[in-house]
Amino acid sequence: MKLLVVGCGSIGKRHIGNFKSLGVEDIAGVDTREDRRKEVEARFGLKKTFSILEDALSQKYDAAILCSPTALHIKQGVQLAERGVHLMIEKPLADSLEGAEQLLKIVNQKKLTALMAYPFRFDPSVEKLKALFESGVIGKPLFVRGEFSEYLPDWHPWEDYRMFYMAKKAQGGGSILDQSHILDLAEHLFGDVKSVSCINDRLSSLEVETDDFAEMLIRFNSGVVGSIHTDMLGRAHQKHMEIKGEEGNLFWDFYAYEVKAYIAAQKKWEVYPFKNDKNTMYLNESRHFLESIKTGAEVRAPLKEGVRTMKTLMAAIEASTKQKVSVVA
């Protein structure tokens, strides 16, 4: 396996470390910053690093991990897919739908593995939530409420948040795009979205060019109604989801490391605790990517679902801009 990691920031370094632990030794890196290139060379023993992707493409690779700014994902994905390289693409897929269908077409034509890196799908607590939901323990689902709220300056305390891509509109930063994990989880459980209304804005005094707040009201094709909230201004960090059904409730709390099920017939909560190990989901995701390449099996978070989430996000942004309810195509 010859692997290329495009973008050697915090998530790129995490992936390099995880793939190394899984036995992938031949890894090259791409980053525009010399300090990051030197760091991964020294820390992980990377023998080849490049300042731009075009220079890296003089070599051949089996797979690539796209950890670059969101706005570059599709362009770089097309460049690599055209060369027959399997892809793992950091969320979200892009900052617009331009080129998304082209990338999907190339991936399908060349029969490539293309995984959207929505790592929460691989977290043991989310897997438990999904298993409970699919078991029918709460009966017919009616409503879902999900929230991702984290104060941006806390994300990378070692650097100026104003220089972080999340603060840069041109790089595809912002709350509604980057914190789309929670929307992805809702679609993972409830399927396609029928319509969405949204307020997407910058509310805080943070010095960013991007939105820092999004509130989406969603109706799924299944009839389930969803309230999806993201922000990068909340001081007490929260990542949770509640599902209300006719016979009970499910509640997932990432920071409490637990899933709870309220069984109405018994009038009690059942609590399922989990180990506090954030890297587990990333390691599971990387292992799944390698296994999917080896077996040819469809990945758990396929590119087509990344495109689906992008369609919902773009419809939500349009709904906020035009102050209307948008129908998702």
C-alpha atoms as a PDB file:
ATOM      1  CA  MET A   1       0.000   0.000   0.000  1.00  0.00           C
ATOM      2  CA  LYS A   2       1.365   3.366  -1.050  1.00  0.00           C
ATOM      3  CA  LEU A   3      -0.582   6.183   0.590  1.00  0.00           C
ATOM      4  CA  LEU A   4      -0.681   9.939  -0.015  1.00  0.00           C
ATOM      5  CA  VAL A   5      -1.959  12.302   2.686  1.00  0.00           C
ATOM      6  CA  VAL A   6      -2.923  15.690   1.242  1.00  0.00           C
ATOM      7  CA  GLY A   7      -2.901  18.211   4.077  1.00  0.00           C
ATOM      8  CA  CYS A   8      -0.698  17.617   7.122  1.00  0.00           C
ATOM      9  CA  GLY A   9      -2.568  19.680   9.701  1.00  0.00           C
ATOM     10  CA  SER A  10      -4.035  18.148  12.856  1.00  0.00           C
ATOM     11  CA  ILE A  11      -6.376  15.684  11.107  1.00  0.00           C
ATOM     12  CA  GLY A  12      -3.730  14.776   8.525  1.00  0.00           C
ATOM     13  CA  LYS A  13      -1.275  13.943  11.305  1.00  0.00           C
ATOM     14  CA  ARG A  14      -3.919  11.868  13.078  1.00  0.00           C
ATOM     15  CA  HIS A  15      -4.522   9.847   9.920  1.00  0.00           C
ATOM     16  CA  ILE A  16      -0.802   9.357   9.281  1.00  0.00           C
ATOM     17  CA  GLY A  17      -0.337   8.022  12.804  1.00  0.00           C
ATOM     18  CA  ASN A  18      -3.320   5.703  12.527  1.00  0.00           C
ATOM     19  CA  PHE A  19      -2.389   4.281   9.142  1.00  0.00           C
ATOM     20  CA  LYS A  20       1.153   3.741  10.412  1.00  0.00           C
ATOM     21  CA  SER A  21      -0.263   1.795  13.378  1.00  0.00           C
ATOM     22  CA  LEU A  22      -2.254  -0.334  10.918  1.00  0.00           C
ATOM     23  CA  GLY A  23       0.904  -1.318   9.070  1.00  0.00           C
ATOM     24  CA  VAL A  24       0.973   1.191   6.196  1.00  0.00           C
ATOM     25  CA  GLU A  25       4.612   2.279   5.995  1.00  0.00           C
ATOM     26  CA  ASP A  26       4.885   3.898   2.561  1.00  0.00           C
ATOM     27  CA  ILE A  27       3.218   7.262   3.171  1.00  0.00           C
ATOM     28  CA  ALA A  28       3.916  10.561   1.417  1.00  0.00           C
ATOM     29  CA  GLY A  29       2.563  13.946   2.472  1.00  0.00           C
ATOM     30  CA  VAL A  30       1.515  17.194   0.822  1.00  0.00           C
ATOM     31  CA  ASP A  31       1.258  20.543   2.594  1.00  0.00           C
ATOM     32  CA  THR A  32       1.904  24.127   1.571  1.00  0.00           C
ATOM     33  CA  ARG A  33       3.519  24.832   4.971  1.00  0.00           C
ATOM     34  CA  GLU A  34       7.158  23.850   5.346  1.00  0.00           C
ATOM     35  CA  ASP A  35       6.883  23.535   9.132  1.00  0.00           C
ATOM     36  CA  ARG A  36       4.169  20.896   8.778  1.00  0.00           C
ATOM     37  CA  ARG A  37       6.171  18.975   6.187  1.00  0.00           C
ATOM     38  CA  LYS A  38       9.214  18.947   8.458  1.00  0.00           C
ATOM     39  CA  GLU A  39       7.075  17.876  11.425  1.00  0.00           C
ATOM     40  CA  VAL A  40       5.603  14.798   9.718  1.00  0.00           C
ATOM     41  CA  GLU A  41       9.010  13.867   8.333  1.00  0.00           C
ATOM     42  CA  ALA A  42      10.523  13.964  11.822  1.00  0.00           C
ATOM     43  CA  ARG A  43       7.558  12.604  13.792  1.00  0.00           C
ATOM     44  CA  PHE A  44       6.391   9.828  11.474  1.00  0.00           C
ATOM     45  CA  GLY A  45       9.435   9.193   9.331  1.00  0.00           C
ATOM     46  CA  LEU A  46       7.854  10.263   6.050  1.00  0.00           C
ATOM     47  CA  LYS A  47      10.569  10.113   3.424  1.00  0.00           C
ATOM     48  CA  LYS A  48       8.736  12.149   0.793  1.00  0.00           C
ATOM     49  CA  THR A  49       6.738  15.330   1.252  1.00  0.00           C
ATOM     50  CA  PHE A  50       5.654  17.900  -1.303  1.00  0.00           C
ATOM     51  CA  SER A  51       4.496  21.509  -1.170  1.00  0.00           C
ATOM     52  CA  ILE A  52       1.850  21.056  -3.896  1.00  0.00           C
ATOM     53  CA  LEU A  53      -0.218  18.104  -5.081  1.00  0.00           C
ATOM     54  CA  GLU A  54       0.969  18.430  -8.677  1.00  0.00           C
ATOM     55  CA  ASP A  55       4.549  17.592  -7.613  1.00  0.00           C
ATOM     56  CA  ALA A  56       3.340  14.590  -5.628  1.00  0.00           C
ATOM     57  CA  LEU A  57       1.512  13.253  -8.693  1.00  0.00           C
ATOM     58  CA  SER A  58       4.831  12.421 -10.323  1.00  0.00           C
ATOM     59  CA  GLN A  59       4.630   9.308  -8.111  1.00  0.00           C
ATOM     60  CA  LYS A  60       2.016   6.521  -8.142  1.00  0.00           C
ATOM     61  CA  TYR A  61      -0.256   5.820  -5.170  1.00  0.00           C
ATOM     62  CA  ASP A  62      -2.808   3.190  -4.231  1.00  0.00           C
ATOM     63  CA  ALA A  63      -4.876   5.505  -2.048  1.00  0.00           C
ATOM     64  CA  ALA A  64      -5.058   9.108  -0.881  1.00  0.00           C
ATOM     65  CA  ILE A  65      -6.518  10.889   2.137  1.00  0.00           C
ATOM     66  CA  LEU A  66      -7.772  14.403   1.408  1.00  0.00           C
ATOM     67  CA  CYS A  67      -7.292  16.560   4.516  1.00  0.00           C
ATOM     68  CA  SER A  68      -6.879  19.826   2.635  1.00  0.00           C
ATOM     69  CA  PRO A  69      -9.228  22.833   2.975  1.00  0.00           C
ATOM     70  CA  THR A  70     -12.807  21.952   2.025  1.00  0.00           C
ATOM     71  CA  ALA A  71     -12.817  24.114  -1.105  1.00  0.00           C
ATOM     72  CA  LEU A  72     -10.043  21.955  -2.653  1.00  0.00           C
ATOM     73  CA  HIS A  73     -11.540  18.496  -2.088  1.00  0.00           C
ATOM     74  CA  ILE A  74     -13.349  17.958  -5.388  1.00  0.00           C
ATOM     75  CA  LYS A  75     -10.595  19.351  -7.622  1.00  0.00           C
ATOM     76  CA  GLN A  76      -7.959  17.247  -5.884  1.00  0.00           C
ATOM     77  CA  GLY A  77     -10.288  14.248  -5.776  1.00  0.00           C
ATOM     78  CA  VAL A  78     -10.771  14.375  -9.530  1.00  0.00           C
ATOM     79  CA  GLN A  79      -7.013  14.649 -10.115  1.00  0.00           C
ATOM     80  CA  LEU A  80      -6.385  11.545  -8.023  1.00  0.00           C
ATOM     81  CA  ALA A  81      -9.407   9.504  -9.145  1.00  0.00           C
ATOM     82  CA  GLU A  82      -8.467   9.989 -12.792  1.00  0.00           C
ATOM     83  CA  ARG A  83      -5.197   8.242 -11.903  1.00  0.00           C
ATOM     84  CA  GLY A  84      -7.042   5.297 -10.340  1.00  0.00           C
ATOM     85  CA  VAL A  85      -6.328   6.277  -6.725  1.00  0.00           C
ATOM     86  CA  HIS A  86      -8.762   5.173  -3.992  1.00  0.00           C
ATOM     87  CA  LEU A  87     -10.018   8.095  -1.921  1.00  0.00           C
ATOM     88  CA  MET A  88     -10.837   8.933   1.670  1.00  0.00           C
ATOM     89  CA  ILE A  89     -12.196  12.484   1.716  1.00  0.00           C
ATOM     90  CA  GLU A  90     -12.482  14.567   4.859  1.00  0.00           C
ATOM     91  CA  LYS A  91     -15.902  16.020   5.488  1.00  0.00           C
ATOM     92  CA  PRO A  92     -17.651  17.905   4.093  1.00  0.00           C
ATOM     93  CA  LEU A  93     -17.204  16.898   0.474  1.00  0.00           C
ATOM     94  CA  ALA A  94     -16.853  20.510  -0.693  1.00  0.00           C
ATOM     95  CA  ASP A  95     -18.155  24.053  -0.317  1.00  0.00           C
ATOM     96  CA  SER A  96     -20.438  23.709  -3.353  1.00  0.00           C
ATOM     97  CA  LEU A  97     -21.818  20.987  -5.605  1.00  0.00           C
ATOM     98  CA  GLU A  98     -19.684  22.041  -8.561  1.00  0.00           C
ATOM     99  CA  GLY A  99     -17.813  19.006  -9.845  1.00  0.00           C
ATOM    100  CA  ALA A 100     -19.433  16.580  -7.386  1.00  0.00           C
ATOM    101  CA  GLU A 101     -21.223  14.511 -10.036  1.00  0.00           C
ATOM    102  CA  GLN A 102     -18.055  14.438 -12.165  1.00  0.00           C
ATOM    103  CA  LEU A 103     -16.066  13.029  -9.247  1.00  0.00           C
ATOM    104  CA  LEU A 104     -18.789  10.477  -8.510  1.00  0.00           C
ATOM    105  CA  LYS A 105     -18.843   9.419 -12.179  1.00  0.00           C
ATOM    106  CA  ILE A 106     -15.066   8.885 -12.307  1.00  0.00           C
ATOM    107  CA  VAL A 107     -15.097   6.899  -9.063  1.00  0.00           C
ATOM    108  CA  ASN A 108     -17.867   4.652 -10.376  1.00  0.00           C
ATOM    109  CA  GLN A 109     -16.313   4.194 -13.810  1.00  0.00           C
ATOM    110  CA  LYS A 110     -12.959   3.200 -12.349  1.00  0.00           C
ATOM    111  CA  LYS A 111     -14.586   1.137  -9.581  1.00  0.00           C
ATOM    112  CA  LEU A 112     -12.670   2.967  -6.871  1.00  0.00           C
ATOM    113  CA  THR A 113     -13.218   2.864  -3.145  1.00  0.00           C
ATOM    114  CA  ALA A 114     -14.296   6.369  -2.067  1.00  0.00           C
ATOM    115  CA  LEU A 115     -15.009   6.894   1.620  1.00  0.00           C
ATOM    116  CA  MET A 116     -16.412  10.087   3.105  1.00  0.00           C
ATOM    117  CA  ALA A 117     -14.554  10.677   6.361  1.00  0.00           C
ATOM    118  CA  TYR A 118     -17.506  11.134   8.685  1.00  0.00           C
ATOM    119  CA  PRO A 119     -15.789   9.349  11.598  1.00  0.00           C
ATOM    120  CA  PHE A 120     -18.704   9.443  14.037  1.00  0.00           C
ATOM    121  CA  ARG A 121     -20.306   6.671  11.979  1.00  0.00           C
ATOM    122  CA  PHE A 122     -17.467   4.489  13.262  1.00  0.00           C
ATOM    123  CA  ASP A 123     -17.721   5.455  16.934  1.00  0.00           C
ATOM    124  CA  PRO A 124     -18.873   2.551  19.161  1.00  0.00           C
ATOM    125  CA  SER A 125     -21.467   4.747  20.897  1.00  0.00           C
ATOM    126  CA  VAL A 126     -23.030   5.778  17.578  1.00  0.00           C
ATOM    127  CA  GLU A 127     -23.014   2.154  16.444  1.00  0.00           C
ATOM    128  CA  LYS A 128     -24.947   1.319  19.632  1.00  0.00           C
ATOM    129  CA  LEU A 129     -27.396   4.168  18.990  1.00  0.00           C
ATOM    130  CA  LYS A 130     -27.992   2.871  15.464  1.00  0.00           C
ATOM    131  CA  ALA A 131     -28.428  -0.722  16.656  1.00  0.00           C
ATOM    132  CA  LEU A 132     -30.986   0.323  19.279  1.00  0.00           C
ATOM    133  CA  PHE A 133     -32.843   2.457  16.750  1.00  0.00           C
ATOM    134  CA  GLU A 134     -32.965  -0.333  14.175  1.00  0.00           C
ATOM    135  CA  SER A 135     -34.116  -2.840  16.813  1.00  0.00           C
ATOM    136  CA  GLY A 136     -37.407  -0.934  17.069  1.00  0.00           C
ATOM    137  CA  VAL A 137     -37.109  -0.468  20.817  1.00  0.00           C
ATOM    138  CA  ILE A 138     -38.682   3.019  20.636  1.00  0.00           C
ATOM    139  CA  GLY A 139     -41.245   2.116  18.005  1.00  0.00           C
ATOM    140  CA  LYS A 140     -42.018   4.386  15.087  1.00  0.00           C
ATOM    141  CA  PRO A 141     -39.560   7.339  15.016  1.00  0.00           C
ATOM    142  CA  LEU A 142     -41.184  10.773  14.958  1.00  0.00           C
ATOM    143  CA  PHE A 143     -38.564  13.426  15.703  1.00  0.00           C
ATOM    144  CA  VAL A 144     -34.797  13.844  15.957  1.00  0.00           C
ATOM    145  CA  ARG A 145     -32.869  16.685  17.556  1.00  0.00           C
ATOM    146  CA  GLY A 146     -29.104  16.887  17.022  1.00  0.00           C
ATOM    147  CA  GLU A 147     -26.515  19.436  18.079  1.00  0.00           C
ATOM    148  CA  PHE A 148     -22.812  20.079  17.542  1.00  0.00           C
ATOM    149  CA  SER A 149     -21.654  23.161  19.450  1.00  0.00           C
ATOM    150  CA  GLU A 150     -17.989  24.013  20.056  1.00  0.00           C
ATOM    151  CA  TYR A 151     -16.223  27.341  20.595  1.00  0.00           C
ATOM    152  CA  LEU A 152     -13.870  27.844  17.637  1.00  0.00           C
ATOM    153  CA  PRO A 153     -10.840  29.246  19.552  1.00  0.00           C
ATOM    154  CA  ASP A 154     -10.856  26.044  21.642  1.00  0.00           C
ATOM    155  CA  TRP A 155     -10.477  23.763  18.592  1.00  0.00           C
ATOM    156  CA  HIS A 156      -6.773  24.428  17.982  1.00  0.00           C
ATOM    157  CA  PRO A 157      -5.596  26.377  21.055  1.00  0.00           C
ATOM    158  CA  TRP A 158      -2.001  26.179  19.807  1.00  0.00           C
ATOM    159  CA  GLU A 159      -2.755  28.494  16.854  1.00  0.00           C
ATOM    160  CA  ASP A 160      -4.609  31.733  16.109  1.00  0.00           C
ATOM    161  CA  TYR A 161      -8.172  30.715  15.231  1.00  0.00           C
ATOM    162  CA  ARG A 162      -8.376  33.633  12.789  1.00  0.00           C
ATOM    163  CA  MET A 163      -5.730  31.914  10.627  1.00  0.00           C
ATOM    164  CA  PHE A 164      -7.514  28.543  10.772  1.00  0.00           C
ATOM    165  CA  TYR A 165      -9.315  27.519   7.561  1.00  0.00           C
ATOM    166  CA  MET A 166     -12.572  27.411   9.539  1.00  0.00           C
ATOM    167  CA  ALA A 167     -12.436  31.211   9.697  1.00  0.00           C
ATOM    168  CA  LYS A 168     -11.833  31.576   5.940  1.00  0.00           C
ATOM    169  CA  LYS A 169     -14.775  31.650   3.560  1.00  0.00           C
ATOM    170  CA  ALA A 170     -12.613  31.100   0.470  1.00  0.00           C
ATOM    171  CA  GLN A 171     -11.270  27.869   1.965  1.00  0.00           C
ATOM    172  CA  GLY A 172     -14.723  26.459   2.696  1.00  0.00           C
ATOM    173  CA  GLY A 173     -14.786  27.012   6.443  1.00  0.00           C
ATOM    174  CA  GLY A 174     -17.786  27.756   8.617  1.00  0.00           C
ATOM    175  CA  SER A 175     -20.163  26.007  10.977  1.00  0.00           C
ATOM    176  CA  ILE A 176     -22.809  24.605   8.635  1.00  0.00           C
ATOM    177  CA  LEU A 177     -20.234  22.861   6.434  1.00  0.00           C
ATOM    178  CA  ASP A 178     -17.582  21.686   8.869  1.00  0.00           C
ATOM    179  CA  GLN A 179     -19.930  20.629  11.656  1.00  0.00           C
ATOM    180  CA  SER A 180     -22.099  18.656   9.227  1.00  0.00           C
ATOM    181  CA  HIS A 181     -21.246  15.492  11.191  1.00  0.00           C
ATOM    182  CA  ILE A 182     -24.594  15.773  12.955  1.00  0.00           C
ATOM    183  CA  LEU A 183     -26.549  16.165   9.711  1.00  0.00           C
ATOM    184  CA  ASP A 184     -24.688  13.167   8.303  1.00  0.00           C
ATOM    185  CA  LEU A 185     -25.664  11.092  11.347  1.00  0.00           C
ATOM    186  CA  ALA A 186     -29.308  12.108  10.937  1.00  0.00           C
ATOM    187  CA  GLU A 187     -29.266  11.113   7.257  1.00  0.00           C
ATOM    188  CA  HIS A 188     -27.387   7.932   8.182  1.00  0.00           C
ATOM    189  CA  LEU A 189     -30.309   6.970  10.436  1.00  0.00           C
ATOM    190  CA  PHE A 190     -33.321   8.451   8.634  1.00  0.00           C
ATOM    191  CA  GLY A 191     -32.325   8.577   4.959  1.00  0.00           C
ATOM    192  CA  ASP A 192     -33.023  11.227   2.345  1.00  0.00           C
ATOM    193  CA  VAL A 193     -34.221  14.721   3.216  1.00  0.00           C
ATOM    194  CA  LYS A 194     -37.381  16.025   1.572  1.00  0.00           C
ATOM    195  CA  SER A 195     -37.245  19.697   2.601  1.00  0.00           C
ATOM    196  CA  VAL A 196     -35.303  22.060   4.820  1.00  0.00           C
ATOM    197  CA  SER A 197     -35.637  25.544   6.239  1.00  0.00           C
ATOM    198  CA  CYS A 198     -32.681  27.229   7.875  1.00  0.00           C
ATOM    199  CA  ILE A 199     -31.158  30.213   9.643  1.00  0.00           C
ATOM    200  CA  ASN A 200     -27.449  30.329   8.819  1.00  0.00           C
ATOM    201  CA  ASP A 201     -25.575  33.399  10.005  1.00  0.00           C
ATOM    202  CA  ARG A 202     -22.684  34.933  11.932  1.00  0.00           C
ATOM    203  CA  LEU A 203     -23.962  35.855  15.380  1.00  0.00           C
ATOM    204  CA  SER A 204     -20.904  36.140  17.616  1.00  0.00           C
ATOM    205  CA  SER A 205     -18.039  38.614  17.882  1.00  0.00           C
ATOM    206  CA  LEU A 206     -15.551  36.005  16.633  1.00  0.00           C
ATOM    207  CA  GLU A 207     -13.242  37.447  13.975  1.00  0.00           C
ATOM    208  CA  VAL A 208     -14.222  35.094  11.148  1.00  0.00           C
ATOM    209  CA  GLU A 209     -15.375  35.523   7.560  1.00  0.00           C
ATOM    210  CA  THR A 210     -17.691  32.540   7.793  1.00  0.00           C
ATOM    211  CA  ASP A 211     -20.988  31.612   9.433  1.00  0.00           C
ATOM    212  CA  ASP A 212     -20.776  30.567  13.077  1.00  0.00           C
ATOM    213  CA  PHE A 213     -24.368  29.348  13.521  1.00  0.00           C
ATOM    214  CA  ALA A 214     -26.899  27.173  11.712  1.00  0.00           C
ATOM    215  CA  GLU A 215     -30.345  25.985  12.735  1.00  0.00           C
ATOM    216  CA  MET A 216     -32.032  23.616  10.300  1.00  0.00           C
ATOM    217  CA  LEU A 217     -35.607  22.322  10.416  1.00  0.00           C
ATOM    218  CA  ILE A 218     -35.812  19.214   8.263  1.00  0.00           C
ATOM    219  CA  ARG A 219     -38.477  16.853   7.010  1.00  0.00           C
ATOM    220  CA  PHE A 220     -37.218  13.459   5.870  1.00  0.00           C
ATOM    221  CA  ASN A 221     -38.900  11.431   3.127  1.00  0.00           C
ATOM    222  CA  SER A 222     -39.848   8.969   5.862  1.00  0.00           C
ATOM    223  CA  GLY A 223     -41.943  11.663   7.548  1.00  0.00           C
ATOM    224  CA  VAL A 224     -39.578  12.100  10.487  1.00  0.00           C
ATOM    225  CA  VAL A 225     -39.006  15.751  11.432  1.00  0.00           C
ATOM    226  CA  GLY A 226     -35.531  16.884  12.462  1.00  0.00           C
ATOM    227  CA  SER A 227     -34.028  19.873  14.232  1.00  0.00           C
ATOM    228  CA  ILE A 228     -30.318  20.081  13.450  1.00  0.00           C
ATOM    229  CA  HIS A 229     -28.167  22.692  15.178  1.00  0.00           C
ATOM    230  CA  THR A 230     -24.510  23.592  14.667  1.00  0.00           C
ATOM    231  CA  ASP A 231     -22.443  26.449  16.022  1.00  0.00           C
ATOM    232  CA  MET A 232     -18.853  27.381  16.764  1.00  0.00           C
ATOM    233  CA  LEU A 233     -19.739  29.923  19.447  1.00  0.00           C
ATOM    234  CA  GLY A 234     -21.040  27.748  22.310  1.00  0.00           C
ATOM    235  CA  ARG A 235     -18.675  27.867  25.270  1.00  0.00           C
ATOM    236  CA  ALA A 236     -19.758  24.546  26.836  1.00  0.00           C
ATOM    237  CA  HIS A 237     -19.050  22.034  24.085  1.00  0.00           C
ATOM    238  CA  GLN A 238     -21.924  19.729  23.171  1.00  0.00           C
ATOM    239  CA  LYS A 239     -22.351  16.840  20.755  1.00  0.00           C
ATOM    240  CA  HIS A 240     -25.564  14.937  21.196  1.00  0.00           C
ATOM    241  CA  MET A 241     -28.668  13.548  19.504  1.00  0.00           C
ATOM    242  CA  GLU A 242     -32.124  12.624  20.791  1.00  0.00           C
ATOM    243  CA  ILE A 243     -34.622  10.483  18.890  1.00  0.00           C
ATOM    244  CA  LYS A 244     -38.263  10.470  19.973  1.00  0.00           C
ATOM    245  CA  GLY A 245     -40.459   7.552  19.013  1.00  0.00           C
ATOM    246  CA  GLU A 246     -43.973   6.389  19.803  1.00  0.00           C
ATOM    247  CA  GLU A 247     -42.710   3.920  22.418  1.00  0.00           C
ATOM    248  CA  GLY A 248     -39.650   5.644  23.857  1.00  0.00           C
ATOM    249  CA  ASN A 249     -36.647   7.910  23.409  1.00  0.00           C
ATOM    250  CA  LEU A 250     -32.980   7.397  22.539  1.00  0.00           C
ATOM    251  CA  PHE A 251     -30.276   9.828  23.640  1.00  0.00           C
ATOM    252  CA  TRP A 252     -26.624   9.880  22.526  1.00  0.00           C
ATOM    253  CA  ASP A 253     -24.090  12.134  24.252  1.00  0.00           C
ATOM    254  CA  PHE A 254     -20.561  12.045  22.873  1.00  0.00           C
ATOM    255  CA  TYR A 255     -18.982  13.959  25.763  1.00  0.00           C
ATOM    256  CA  ALA A 256     -20.789  11.933  28.427  1.00  0.00           C
ATOM    257  CA  TYR A 257     -19.672   8.796  26.529  1.00  0.00           C
ATOM    258  CA  GLU A 258     -23.035   7.133  26.806  1.00  0.00           C
ATOM    259  CA  VAL A 259     -26.227   6.130  25.034  1.00  0.00           C
ATOM    260  CA  LYS A 260     -29.529   6.032  26.931  1.00  0.00           C
ATOM    261  CA  ALA A 261     -32.796   4.397  25.978  1.00  0.00           C
ATOM    262  CA  TYR A 262     -36.076   5.337  27.653  1.00  0.00           C
ATOM    263  CA  ILE A 263     -38.536   2.447  27.375  1.00  0.00           C
ATOM    264  CA  ALA A 264     -42.030   3.873  27.884  1.00  0.00           C
ATOM    265  CA  ALA A 265     -43.647   0.544  28.783  1.00  0.00           C
ATOM    266  CA  GLN A 266     -41.172   0.097  31.646  1.00  0.00           C
ATOM    267  CA  LYS A 267     -40.966   3.807  32.538  1.00  0.00           C
ATOM    268  CA  LYS A 268     -37.202   3.641  32.975  1.00  0.00           C
ATOM    269  CA  TRP A 269     -33.910   4.504  31.311  1.00  0.00           C
ATOM    270  CA  GLU A 270     -31.357   1.928  30.213  1.00  0.00           C
ATOM    271  CA  VAL A 271     -27.842   3.378  30.147  1.00  0.00           C
ATOM    272  CA  TYR A 272     -24.951   2.129  27.991  1.00  0.00           C
ATOM    273  CA  PRO A 273     -21.548   3.671  28.941  1.00  0.00           C
ATOM    274  CA  PHE A 274     -18.535   3.795  26.639  1.00  0.00           C
ATOM    275  CA  LYS A 275     -14.815   4.304  27.051  1.00  0.00           C
ATOM    276  CA  ASN A 276     -13.479   7.826  26.561  1.00  0.00           C
ATOM    277  CA  ASP A 277     -11.196   7.260  23.573  1.00  0.00           C
ATOM    278  CA  LYS A 278     -11.734   9.720  20.745  1.00  0.00           C
ATOM    279  CA  ASN A 279      -9.198   8.067  18.455  1.00  0.00           C
ATOM    280  CA  THR A 280     -11.130   4.781  18.346  1.00  0.00           C
ATOM    281  CA  MET A 281     -13.562   6.041  15.713  1.00  0.00           C
ATOM    282  CA  TYR A 282     -10.744   7.389  13.533  1.00  0.00           C
ATOM    283  CA  LEU A 283      -8.837   4.127  13.804  1.00  0.00           C
ATOM    284  CA  ASN A 284     -11.975   2.127  12.983  1.00  0.00           C
ATOM    285  CA  GLU A 285     -12.579   4.384   9.984  1.00  0.00           C
ATOM    286  CA  SER A 286      -9.027   3.899   8.655  1.00  0.00           C
ATOM    287  CA  ARG A 287      -9.186   0.135   9.156  1.00  0.00           C
ATOM    288  CA  HIS A 288     -12.531   0.004   7.330  1.00  0.00           C
ATOM    289  CA  PHE A 289     -11.073   1.992   4.411  1.00  0.00           C
ATOM    290  CA  LEU A 290      -8.170  -0.430   4.019  1.00  0.00           C
ATOM    291  CA  GLU A 291     -10.443  -3.476   4.275  1.00  0.00           C
ATOM    292  CA  SER A 292     -12.837  -2.028   1.681  1.00  0.00           C
ATOM    293  CA  ILE A 293      -9.977  -1.478  -0.765  1.00  0.00           C
ATOM    294  CA  LYS A 294      -8.820  -5.059  -0.215  1.00  0.00           C
ATOM    295  CA  THR A 295     -12.243  -6.706  -0.550  1.00  0.00           C
ATOM    296  CA  GLY A 296     -13.974  -4.318  -2.941  1.00  0.00           C
ATOM    297  CA  ALA A 297     -16.957  -4.116  -0.575  1.00  0.00           C
ATOM    298  CA  GLU A 298     -18.943  -0.877  -0.436  1.00  0.00           C
ATOM    299  CA  VAL A 299     -17.798   1.486   2.274  1.00  0.00           C
ATOM    300  CA  ARG A 300     -20.035   2.393   5.197  1.00  0.00           C
ATOM    301  CA  ALA A 301     -19.917   6.109   4.308  1.00  0.00           C
ATOM    302  CA  PRO A 302     -19.842   6.169   0.482  1.00  0.00           C
ATOM    303  CA  LEU A 303     -19.128   9.206  -1.657  1.00  0.00           C
ATOM    304  CA  LYS A 304     -22.715   9.232  -2.939  1.00  0.00           C
ATOM    305  CA  GLU A 305     -23.904   9.903   0.612  1.00  0.00           C
ATOM    306  CA  GLY A 306     -21.391  12.719   0.918  1.00  0.00           C
ATOM    307  CA  VAL A 307     -22.983  14.212  -2.197  1.00  0.00           C
ATOM    308  CA  ARG A 308     -26.411  13.711  -0.624  1.00  0.00           C
ATOM    309  CA  THR A 309     -25.370  15.617   2.486  1.00  0.00           C
ATOM    310  CA  MET A 310     -23.931  18.406   0.319  1.00  0.00           C
ATOM    311  CA  LYS A 311     -27.289  18.738  -1.464  1.00  0.00           C
ATOM    312  CA  THR A 312     -29.014  19.162   1.888  1.00  0.00           C
ATOM    313  CA  LEU A 313     -26.433  21.707   3.031  1.00  0.00           C
ATOM    314  CA  MET A 314     -26.691  23.726  -0.172  1.00  0.00           C
ATOM    315  CA  ALA A 315     -30.493  23.681   0.064  1.00  0.00           C
ATOM    316  CA  ALA A 316     -30.250  24.856   3.691  1.00  0.00           C
ATOM    317  CA  ILE A 317     -27.918  27.720   2.771  1.00  0.00           C
ATOM    318  CA  GLU A 318     -30.269  28.724  -0.057  1.00  0.00           C
ATOM    319  CA  ALA A 319     -33.239  28.574   2.307  1.00  0.00           C
ATOM    320  CA  SER A 320     -31.464  30.857   4.760  1.00  0.00           C
ATOM    321  CA  THR A 321     -30.379  33.308   2.058  1.00  0.00           C
ATOM    322  CA  LYS A 322     -33.822  33.517   0.479  1.00  0.00           C
ATOM    323  CA  GLN A 323     -35.694  33.048   3.775  1.00  0.00           C
ATOM    324  CA  LYS A 324     -37.793  30.226   2.395  1.00  0.00           C
ATOM    325  CA  VAL A 325     -38.253  26.473   2.642  1.00  0.00           C
ATOM    326  CA  SER A 326     -36.088  24.697   0.075  1.00  0.00           C
ATOM    327  CA  VAL A 327     -37.003  21.375  -1.516  1.00  0.00           C
ATOM    328  CA  VAL A 328     -33.989  19.058  -1.730  1.00  0.00           C
ATOM    329  CA  ALA A 329     -33.534  17.737  -5.277  1.00  0.00           C
END
